[in-house]
Amino acid sequence: PYDHQKLQTSLKQGVEHVSGAVAWRMVIDPRTRFSYPRLTRHPNVRVVEKVNAILARRHGQLSLAALECKATLYTATHPAAGSLGDYDA
């Protein structure tokens, strides 16, 4: 439940890219500045829902891992403490 709460943030919407009947955009987590794609249009709405659920889950996993690294600022003394753990490289 706590990890779910950590993922509750407004994502910045990137520019929509259209290719025929399909479109997508990058969404950016403002805390990590990680961008990840989301479908915005597809002829089959169910495809949009399923694909976006998978993409959101993966984006969330990356953000959580990076935020865990960032939290080491308070608990670790190594040089990378408080960084995004090279997830932003």
PDB file of N, CA and C in Angstrom:
ATOM      1  N   PRO A   1       0.806  -1.212   0.000  1.00  0.00           N
ATOM      2  CA  PRO A   1       0.000   0.000   0.000  1.00  0.00           C
ATOM      3  C   PRO A   1       0.847   1.274   0.000  1.00  0.00           C
ATOM      4  N   TYR A   2       1.968   1.268   0.748  1.00  0.00           N
ATOM      5  CA  TYR A   2       2.793   2.470   0.808  1.00  0.00           C
ATOM      6  C   TYR A   2       3.411   2.771  -0.557  1.00  0.00           C
ATOM      7  N   ASP A   3       3.894   1.732  -1.238  1.00  0.00           N
ATOM      8  CA  ASP A   3       4.466   1.940  -2.572  1.00  0.00           C
ATOM      9  C   ASP A   3       3.420   2.484  -3.530  1.00  0.00           C
ATOM     10  N   HIS A   4       2.196   2.005  -3.400  1.00  0.00           N
ATOM     11  CA  HIS A   4       1.105   2.518  -4.243  1.00  0.00           C
ATOM     12  C   HIS A   4       0.919   4.013  -3.995  1.00  0.00           C
ATOM     13  N   GLN A   5       0.988   4.422  -2.740  1.00  0.00           N
ATOM     14  CA  GLN A   5       0.841   5.841  -2.409  1.00  0.00           C
ATOM     15  C   GLN A   5       1.994   6.666  -2.985  1.00  0.00           C
ATOM     16  N   LYS A   6       3.203   6.099  -2.974  1.00  0.00           N
ATOM     17  CA  LYS A   6       4.353   6.831  -3.511  1.00  0.00           C
ATOM     18  C   LYS A   6       4.203   7.097  -5.007  1.00  0.00           C
ATOM     19  N   LEU A   7       3.447   6.253  -5.689  1.00  0.00           N
ATOM     20  CA  LEU A   7       3.281   6.421  -7.136  1.00  0.00           C
ATOM     21  C   LEU A   7       2.167   7.392  -7.499  1.00  0.00           C
ATOM     22  N   GLN A   8       1.426   7.872  -6.519  1.00  0.00           N
ATOM     23  CA  GLN A   8       0.324   8.786  -6.792  1.00  0.00           C
ATOM     24  C   GLN A   8       0.852  10.201  -6.986  1.00  0.00           C
ATOM     25  N   THR A   9       1.092  10.553  -8.211  1.00  0.00           N
ATOM     26  CA  THR A   9       1.553  11.894  -8.557  1.00  0.00           C
ATOM     27  C   THR A   9       1.053  12.227  -9.952  1.00  0.00           C
ATOM     28  N   SER A  10       0.911  13.481 -10.230  1.00  0.00           N
ATOM     29  CA  SER A  10       0.486  13.895 -11.570  1.00  0.00           C
ATOM     30  C   SER A  10       1.666  13.775 -12.522  1.00  0.00           C
ATOM     31  N   LEU A  11       1.437  13.090 -13.624  1.00  0.00           N
ATOM     32  CA  LEU A  11       2.476  12.925 -14.629  1.00  0.00           C
ATOM     33  C   LEU A  11       2.361  14.027 -15.665  1.00  0.00           C
ATOM     34  N   LYS A  12       3.499  14.557 -16.062  1.00  0.00           N
ATOM     35  CA  LYS A  12       3.518  15.578 -17.110  1.00  0.00           C
ATOM     36  C   LYS A  12       3.291  14.879 -18.455  1.00  0.00           C
ATOM     37  N   GLN A  13       2.407  15.439 -19.261  1.00  0.00           N
ATOM     38  CA  GLN A  13       2.059  14.859 -20.559  1.00  0.00           C
ATOM     39  C   GLN A  13       2.951  15.433 -21.650  1.00  0.00           C
ATOM     40  N   GLY A  14       3.594  14.556 -22.406  1.00  0.00           N
ATOM     41  CA  GLY A  14       4.419  14.993 -23.522  1.00  0.00           C
ATOM     42  C   GLY A  14       3.575  15.227 -24.766  1.00  0.00           C
ATOM     43  N   VAL A  15       4.245  15.495 -25.852  1.00  0.00           N
ATOM     44  CA  VAL A  15       3.597  15.757 -27.138  1.00  0.00           C
ATOM     45  C   VAL A  15       3.047  14.451 -27.709  1.00  0.00           C
ATOM     46  N   GLU A  16       1.848  14.512 -28.254  1.00  0.00           N
ATOM     47  CA  GLU A  16       1.244  13.330 -28.873  1.00  0.00           C
ATOM     48  C   GLU A  16       1.840  13.112 -30.263  1.00  0.00           C
ATOM     49  N   HIS A  17       2.170  11.865 -30.551  1.00  0.00           N
ATOM     50  CA  HIS A  17       2.692  11.466 -31.859  1.00  0.00           C
ATOM     51  C   HIS A  17       1.649  10.566 -32.515  1.00  0.00           C
ATOM     52  N   VAL A  18       1.240  10.917 -33.731  1.00  0.00           N
ATOM     53  CA  VAL A  18       0.174  10.193 -34.424  1.00  0.00           C
ATOM     54  C   VAL A  18       0.746   9.466 -35.630  1.00  0.00           C
ATOM     55  N   SER A  19       0.329   8.226 -35.787  1.00  0.00           N
ATOM     56  CA  SER A  19       0.699   7.428 -36.953  1.00  0.00           C
ATOM     57  C   SER A  19      -0.543   6.655 -37.384  1.00  0.00           C
ATOM     58  N   GLY A  20      -1.262   7.203 -38.338  1.00  0.00           N
ATOM     59  CA  GLY A  20      -2.505   6.573 -38.774  1.00  0.00           C
ATOM     60  C   GLY A  20      -3.544   6.611 -37.672  1.00  0.00           C
ATOM     61  N   ALA A  21      -4.091   5.443 -37.347  1.00  0.00           N
ATOM     62  CA  ALA A  21      -5.137   5.357 -36.326  1.00  0.00           C
ATOM     63  C   ALA A  21      -4.573   5.195 -34.918  1.00  0.00           C
ATOM     64  N   VAL A  22      -3.258   5.170 -34.799  1.00  0.00           N
ATOM     65  CA  VAL A  22      -2.615   4.951 -33.503  1.00  0.00           C
ATOM     66  C   VAL A  22      -1.846   6.210 -33.098  1.00  0.00           C
ATOM     67  N   ALA A  23      -1.860   6.506 -31.802  1.00  0.00           N
ATOM     68  CA  ALA A  23      -1.100   7.647 -31.293  1.00  0.00           C
ATOM     69  C   ALA A  23      -0.552   7.301 -29.911  1.00  0.00           C
ATOM     70  N   TRP A  24       0.531   7.977 -29.561  1.00  0.00           N
ATOM     71  CA  TRP A  24       1.159   7.771 -28.263  1.00  0.00           C
ATOM     72  C   TRP A  24       1.826   9.060 -27.810  1.00  0.00           C
ATOM     73  N   ARG A  25       2.152   9.109 -26.541  1.00  0.00           N
ATOM     74  CA  ARG A  25       2.880  10.242 -25.969  1.00  0.00           C
ATOM     75  C   ARG A  25       3.721   9.731 -24.816  1.00  0.00           C
ATOM     76  N   MET A  26       4.747  10.477 -24.509  1.00  0.00           N
ATOM     77  CA  MET A  26       5.559  10.172 -23.339  1.00  0.00           C
ATOM     78  C   MET A  26       4.931  10.892 -22.145  1.00  0.00           C
ATOM     79  N   VAL A  27       4.926  10.222 -21.007  1.00  0.00           N
ATOM     80  CA  VAL A  27       4.513  10.866 -19.763  1.00  0.00           C
ATOM     81  C   VAL A  27       5.734  10.876 -18.848  1.00  0.00           C
ATOM     82  N   ILE A  28       5.871  11.931 -18.069  1.00  0.00           N
ATOM     83  CA  ILE A  28       7.074  12.134 -17.269  1.00  0.00           C
ATOM     84  C   ILE A  28       6.715  12.229 -15.793  1.00  0.00           C
ATOM     85  N   ASP A  29       7.410  11.438 -14.983  1.00  0.00           N
ATOM     86  CA  ASP A  29       7.279  11.532 -13.528  1.00  0.00           C
ATOM     87  C   ASP A  29       8.128  12.731 -13.102  1.00  0.00           C
ATOM     88  N   PRO A  30       7.528  13.768 -12.528  1.00  0.00           N
ATOM     89  CA  PRO A  30       8.288  14.982 -12.204  1.00  0.00           C
ATOM     90  C   PRO A  30       9.347  14.773 -11.123  1.00  0.00           C
ATOM     91  N   ARG A  31       9.203  13.745 -10.310  1.00  0.00           N
ATOM     92  CA  ARG A  31      10.174  13.524  -9.229  1.00  0.00           C
ATOM     93  C   ARG A  31      11.460  12.886  -9.738  1.00  0.00           C
ATOM     94  N   THR A  32      11.340  12.003 -10.708  1.00  0.00           N
ATOM     95  CA  THR A  32      12.517  11.311 -11.240  1.00  0.00           C
ATOM     96  C   THR A  32      12.899  11.826 -12.625  1.00  0.00           C
ATOM     97  N   ARG A  33      11.972  12.501 -13.274  1.00  0.00           N
ATOM     98  CA  ARG A  33      12.102  12.976 -14.654  1.00  0.00           C
ATOM     99  C   ARG A  33      12.193  11.824 -15.648  1.00  0.00           C
ATOM    100  N   PHE A  34      11.736  10.626 -15.236  1.00  0.00           N
ATOM    101  CA  PHE A  34      11.698   9.480 -16.142  1.00  0.00           C
ATOM    102  C   PHE A  34      10.500   9.624 -17.057  1.00  0.00           C
ATOM    103  N   SER A  35      10.724   9.398 -18.326  1.00  0.00           N
ATOM    104  CA  SER A  35       9.602   9.406 -19.268  1.00  0.00           C
ATOM    105  C   SER A  35       9.349   7.977 -19.730  1.00  0.00           C
ATOM    106  N   TYR A  36       8.095   7.694 -20.011  1.00  0.00           N
ATOM    107  CA  TYR A  36       7.694   6.367 -20.474  1.00  0.00           C
ATOM    108  C   TYR A  36       6.479   6.554 -21.364  1.00  0.00           C
ATOM    109  N   PRO A  37       6.339   5.738 -22.404  1.00  0.00           N
ATOM    110  CA  PRO A  37       5.242   5.952 -23.357  1.00  0.00           C
ATOM    111  C   PRO A  37       3.885   5.491 -22.833  1.00  0.00           C
ATOM    112  N   ARG A  38       2.846   6.094 -23.387  1.00  0.00           N
ATOM    113  CA  ARG A  38       1.457   5.650 -23.178  1.00  0.00           C
ATOM    114  C   ARG A  38       0.732   5.772 -24.509  1.00  0.00           C
ATOM    115  N   LEU A  39      -0.110   4.805 -24.798  1.00  0.00           N
ATOM    116  CA  LEU A  39      -0.962   4.905 -25.984  1.00  0.00           C
ATOM    117  C   LEU A  39      -2.046   5.933 -25.717  1.00  0.00           C
ATOM    118  N   THR A  40      -2.352   6.745 -26.700  1.00  0.00           N
ATOM    119  CA  THR A  40      -3.448   7.702 -26.560  1.00  0.00           C
ATOM    120  C   THR A  40      -4.587   7.389 -27.516  1.00  0.00           C
ATOM    121  N   ARG A  41      -4.276   6.669 -28.602  1.00  0.00           N
ATOM    122  CA  ARG A  41      -5.318   6.282 -29.555  1.00  0.00           C
ATOM    123  C   ARG A  41      -4.996   4.928 -30.161  1.00  0.00           C
ATOM    124  N   HIS A  42      -6.032   4.158 -30.369  1.00  0.00           N
ATOM    125  CA  HIS A  42      -5.935   2.866 -31.049  1.00  0.00           C
ATOM    126  C   HIS A  42      -7.357   2.497 -31.449  1.00  0.00           C
ATOM    127  N   PRO A  43      -7.539   1.821 -32.572  1.00  0.00           N
ATOM    128  CA  PRO A  43      -8.896   1.450 -32.984  1.00  0.00           C
ATOM    129  C   PRO A  43      -9.639   0.604 -31.944  1.00  0.00           C
ATOM    130  N   ASN A  44      -8.907  -0.152 -31.152  1.00  0.00           N
ATOM    131  CA  ASN A  44      -9.522  -0.998 -30.131  1.00  0.00           C
ATOM    132  C   ASN A  44      -9.211  -0.407 -28.752  1.00  0.00           C
ATOM    133  N   VAL A  45     -10.223   0.121 -28.099  1.00  0.00           N
ATOM    134  CA  VAL A  45     -10.047   0.764 -26.784  1.00  0.00           C
ATOM    135  C   VAL A  45      -9.481  -0.212 -25.759  1.00  0.00           C
ATOM    136  N   ARG A  46      -9.833  -1.476 -25.865  1.00  0.00           N
ATOM    137  CA  ARG A  46      -9.320  -2.473 -24.916  1.00  0.00           C
ATOM    138  C   ARG A  46      -7.804  -2.613 -25.030  1.00  0.00           C
ATOM    139  N   VAL A  47      -7.293  -2.478 -26.238  1.00  0.00           N
ATOM    140  CA  VAL A  47      -5.845  -2.536 -26.442  1.00  0.00           C
ATOM    141  C   VAL A  47      -5.180  -1.373 -25.711  1.00  0.00           C
ATOM    142  N   VAL A  48      -5.757  -0.185 -25.825  1.00  0.00           N
ATOM    143  CA  VAL A  48      -5.217   0.993 -25.128  1.00  0.00           C
ATOM    144  C   VAL A  48      -5.166   0.722 -23.627  1.00  0.00           C
ATOM    145  N   GLU A  49      -6.249   0.205 -23.077  1.00  0.00           N
ATOM    146  CA  GLU A  49      -6.308  -0.053 -21.637  1.00  0.00           C
ATOM    147  C   GLU A  49      -5.278  -1.089 -21.205  1.00  0.00           C
ATOM    148  N   LYS A  50      -5.195  -2.199 -21.930  1.00  0.00           N
ATOM    149  CA  LYS A  50      -4.262  -3.267 -21.558  1.00  0.00           C
ATOM    150  C   LYS A  50      -2.807  -2.821 -21.698  1.00  0.00           C
ATOM    151  N   VAL A  51      -2.489  -2.211 -22.820  1.00  0.00           N
ATOM    152  CA  VAL A  51      -1.112  -1.770 -23.058  1.00  0.00           C
ATOM    153  C   VAL A  51      -0.716  -0.701 -22.044  1.00  0.00           C
ATOM    154  N   ASN A  52      -1.588   0.260 -21.787  1.00  0.00           N
ATOM    155  CA  ASN A  52      -1.254   1.321 -20.838  1.00  0.00           C
ATOM    156  C   ASN A  52      -1.109   0.796 -19.417  1.00  0.00           C
ATOM    157  N   ALA A  53      -1.861  -0.234 -19.064  1.00  0.00           N
ATOM    158  CA  ALA A  53      -1.706  -0.829 -17.735  1.00  0.00           C
ATOM    159  C   ALA A  53      -0.315  -1.443 -17.591  1.00  0.00           C
ATOM    160  N   ILE A  54       0.144  -2.125 -18.630  1.00  0.00           N
ATOM    161  CA  ILE A  54       1.482  -2.721 -18.605  1.00  0.00           C
ATOM    162  C   ILE A  54       2.551  -1.629 -18.555  1.00  0.00           C
ATOM    163  N   LEU A  55       2.401  -0.612 -19.396  1.00  0.00           N
ATOM    164  CA  LEU A  55       3.379   0.481 -19.430  1.00  0.00           C
ATOM    165  C   LEU A  55       3.416   1.244 -18.108  1.00  0.00           C
ATOM    166  N   ALA A  56       2.259   1.494 -17.520  1.00  0.00           N
ATOM    167  CA  ALA A  56       2.202   2.214 -16.239  1.00  0.00           C
ATOM    168  C   ALA A  56       2.858   1.396 -15.133  1.00  0.00           C
ATOM    169  N   ARG A  57       2.631   0.087 -15.149  1.00  0.00           N
ATOM    170  CA  ARG A  57       3.241  -0.777 -14.135  1.00  0.00           C
ATOM    171  C   ARG A  57       4.773  -0.729 -14.253  1.00  0.00           C
ATOM    172  N   ARG A  58       5.282  -0.826 -15.468  1.00  0.00           N
ATOM    173  CA  ARG A  58       6.735  -0.797 -15.667  1.00  0.00           C
ATOM    174  C   ARG A  58       7.318   0.572 -15.298  1.00  0.00           C
ATOM    175  N   HIS A  59       6.647   1.632 -15.688  1.00  0.00           N
ATOM    176  CA  HIS A  59       7.085   2.988 -15.341  1.00  0.00           C
ATOM    177  C   HIS A  59       7.127   3.130 -13.818  1.00  0.00           C
ATOM    178  N   GLY A  60       6.103   2.620 -13.158  1.00  0.00           N
ATOM    179  CA  GLY A  60       6.045   2.678 -11.700  1.00  0.00           C
ATOM    180  C   GLY A  60       7.168   1.897 -11.041  1.00  0.00           C
ATOM    181  N   GLN A  61       7.481   0.718 -11.587  1.00  0.00           N
ATOM    182  CA  GLN A  61       8.569  -0.089 -11.031  1.00  0.00           C
ATOM    183  C   GLN A  61       9.902   0.651 -11.124  1.00  0.00           C
ATOM    184  N   LEU A  62      10.152   1.273 -12.263  1.00  0.00           N
ATOM    185  CA  LEU A  62      11.391   2.044 -12.426  1.00  0.00           C
ATOM    186  C   LEU A  62      11.443   3.215 -11.448  1.00  0.00           C
ATOM    187  N   SER A  63      10.328   3.920 -11.322  1.00  0.00           N
ATOM    188  CA  SER A  63      10.288   5.076 -10.422  1.00  0.00           C
ATOM    189  C   SER A  63      10.492   4.655  -8.977  1.00  0.00           C
ATOM    190  N   LEU A  64       9.835   3.569  -8.551  1.00  0.00           N
ATOM    191  CA  LEU A  64       9.994   3.106  -7.172  1.00  0.00           C
ATOM    192  C   LEU A  64      11.438   2.715  -6.882  1.00  0.00           C
ATOM    193  N   ALA A  65      12.063   2.001  -7.808  1.00  0.00           N
ATOM    194  CA  ALA A  65      13.451   1.587  -7.601  1.00  0.00           C
ATOM    195  C   ALA A  65      14.360   2.811  -7.479  1.00  0.00           C
ATOM    196  N   ALA A  66      14.152   3.788  -8.335  1.00  0.00           N
ATOM    197  CA  ALA A  66      14.975   5.000  -8.291  1.00  0.00           C
ATOM    198  C   ALA A  66      14.717   5.800  -7.016  1.00  0.00           C
ATOM    199  N   LEU A  67      13.457   5.877  -6.595  1.00  0.00           N
ATOM    200  CA  LEU A  67      13.140   6.620  -5.371  1.00  0.00           C
ATOM    201  C   LEU A  67      13.728   5.935  -4.141  1.00  0.00           C
ATOM    202  N   GLU A  68      13.807   4.596  -4.167  1.00  0.00           N
ATOM    203  CA  GLU A  68      14.467   3.888  -3.066  1.00  0.00           C
ATOM    204  C   GLU A  68      15.937   4.284  -2.995  1.00  0.00           C
ATOM    205  N   CYS A  69      16.577   4.386  -4.149  1.00  0.00           N
ATOM    206  CA  CYS A  69      17.982   4.823  -4.180  1.00  0.00           C
ATOM    207  C   CYS A  69      18.105   6.248  -3.649  1.00  0.00           C
ATOM    208  N   LYS A  70      17.196   7.103  -4.067  1.00  0.00           N
ATOM    209  CA  LYS A  70      17.233   8.505  -3.639  1.00  0.00           C
ATOM    210  C   LYS A  70      17.064   8.610  -2.122  1.00  0.00           C
ATOM    211  N   ALA A  71      16.268   7.719  -1.533  1.00  0.00           N
ATOM    212  CA  ALA A  71      16.022   7.748  -0.091  1.00  0.00           C
ATOM    213  C   ALA A  71      17.265   7.389   0.717  1.00  0.00           C
ATOM    214  N   THR A  72      18.280   6.794   0.090  1.00  0.00           N
ATOM    215  CA  THR A  72      19.502   6.456   0.830  1.00  0.00           C
ATOM    216  C   THR A  72      20.258   7.701   1.289  1.00  0.00           C
ATOM    217  N   LEU A  73      19.860   8.848   0.811  1.00  0.00           N
ATOM    218  CA  LEU A  73      20.465  10.101   1.262  1.00  0.00           C
ATOM    219  C   LEU A  73      20.448  10.186   2.788  1.00  0.00           C
ATOM    220  N   TYR A  74      19.410   9.613   3.405  1.00  0.00           N
ATOM    221  CA  TYR A  74      19.229   9.713   4.851  1.00  0.00           C
ATOM    222  C   TYR A  74      19.808   8.526   5.617  1.00  0.00           C
ATOM    223  N   THR A  75      20.173   7.444   4.908  1.00  0.00           N
ATOM    224  CA  THR A  75      20.591   6.236   5.617  1.00  0.00           C
ATOM    225  C   THR A  75      21.958   5.709   5.217  1.00  0.00           C
ATOM    226  N   ALA A  76      22.581   6.280   4.217  1.00  0.00           N
ATOM    227  CA  ALA A  76      23.857   5.746   3.732  1.00  0.00           C
ATOM    228  C   ALA A  76      24.887   6.867   3.604  1.00  0.00           C
ATOM    229  N   THR A  77      26.146   6.464   3.567  1.00  0.00           N
ATOM    230  CA  THR A  77      27.215   7.456   3.454  1.00  0.00           C
ATOM    231  C   THR A  77      28.059   7.273   2.197  1.00  0.00           C
ATOM    232  N   HIS A  78      27.702   6.327   1.341  1.00  0.00           N
ATOM    233  CA  HIS A  78      28.492   6.111   0.127  1.00  0.00           C
ATOM    234  C   HIS A  78      28.271   7.249  -0.865  1.00  0.00           C
ATOM    235  N   PRO A  79      29.178   7.421  -1.822  1.00  0.00           N
ATOM    236  CA  PRO A  79      29.111   8.561  -2.751  1.00  0.00           C
ATOM    237  C   PRO A  79      27.820   8.654  -3.562  1.00  0.00           C
ATOM    238  N   ALA A  80      27.174   7.528  -3.826  1.00  0.00           N
ATOM    239  CA  ALA A  80      25.947   7.555  -4.630  1.00  0.00           C
ATOM    240  C   ALA A  80      24.696   7.781  -3.784  1.00  0.00           C
ATOM    241  N   ALA A  81      24.849   7.916  -2.480  1.00  0.00           N
ATOM    242  CA  ALA A  81      23.688   8.107  -1.605  1.00  0.00           C
ATOM    243  C   ALA A  81      22.888   9.323  -2.049  1.00  0.00           C
ATOM    244  N   GLY A  82      21.594   9.138  -2.140  1.00  0.00           N
ATOM    245  CA  GLY A  82      20.709  10.232  -2.520  1.00  0.00           C
ATOM    246  C   GLY A  82      20.554  10.426  -4.012  1.00  0.00           C
ATOM    247  N   SER A  83      21.224   9.593  -4.802  1.00  0.00           N
ATOM    248  CA  SER A  83      21.085   9.709  -6.259  1.00  0.00           C
ATOM    249  C   SER A  83      19.928   8.830  -6.732  1.00  0.00           C
ATOM    250  N   LEU A  84      19.665   8.864  -8.007  1.00  0.00           N
ATOM    251  CA  LEU A  84      18.639   7.993  -8.581  1.00  0.00           C
ATOM    252  C   LEU A  84      19.221   6.634  -8.962  1.00  0.00           C
ATOM    253  N   GLY A  85      20.396   6.314  -8.451  1.00  0.00           N
ATOM    254  CA  GLY A  85      20.988   5.000  -8.654  1.00  0.00           C
ATOM    255  C   GLY A  85      21.296   4.661 -10.099  1.00  0.00           C
ATOM    256  N   ASP A  86      21.673   5.657 -10.868  1.00  0.00           N
ATOM    257  CA  ASP A  86      21.965   5.492 -12.296  1.00  0.00           C
ATOM    258  C   ASP A  86      20.744   5.090 -13.119  1.00  0.00           C
ATOM    259  N   TYR A  87      19.570   5.119 -12.532  1.00  0.00           N
ATOM    260  CA  TYR A  87      18.360   4.881 -13.323  1.00  0.00           C
ATOM    261  C   TYR A  87      18.139   6.034 -14.298  1.00  0.00           C
ATOM    262  N   ASP A  88      18.743   7.169 -14.006  1.00  0.00           N
ATOM    263  CA  ASP A  88      18.584   8.336 -14.870  1.00  0.00           C
ATOM    264  C   ASP A  88      19.711   8.457 -15.895  1.00  0.00           C
ATOM    265  N   ALA A  89      20.594   7.460 -15.946  1.00  0.00           N
ATOM    266  CA  ALA A  89      21.721   7.502 -16.896  1.00  0.00           C
ATOM    267  C   ALA A  89      21.292   7.041 -18.280  1.00  0.00           C
TER     268      ALA A  89
END
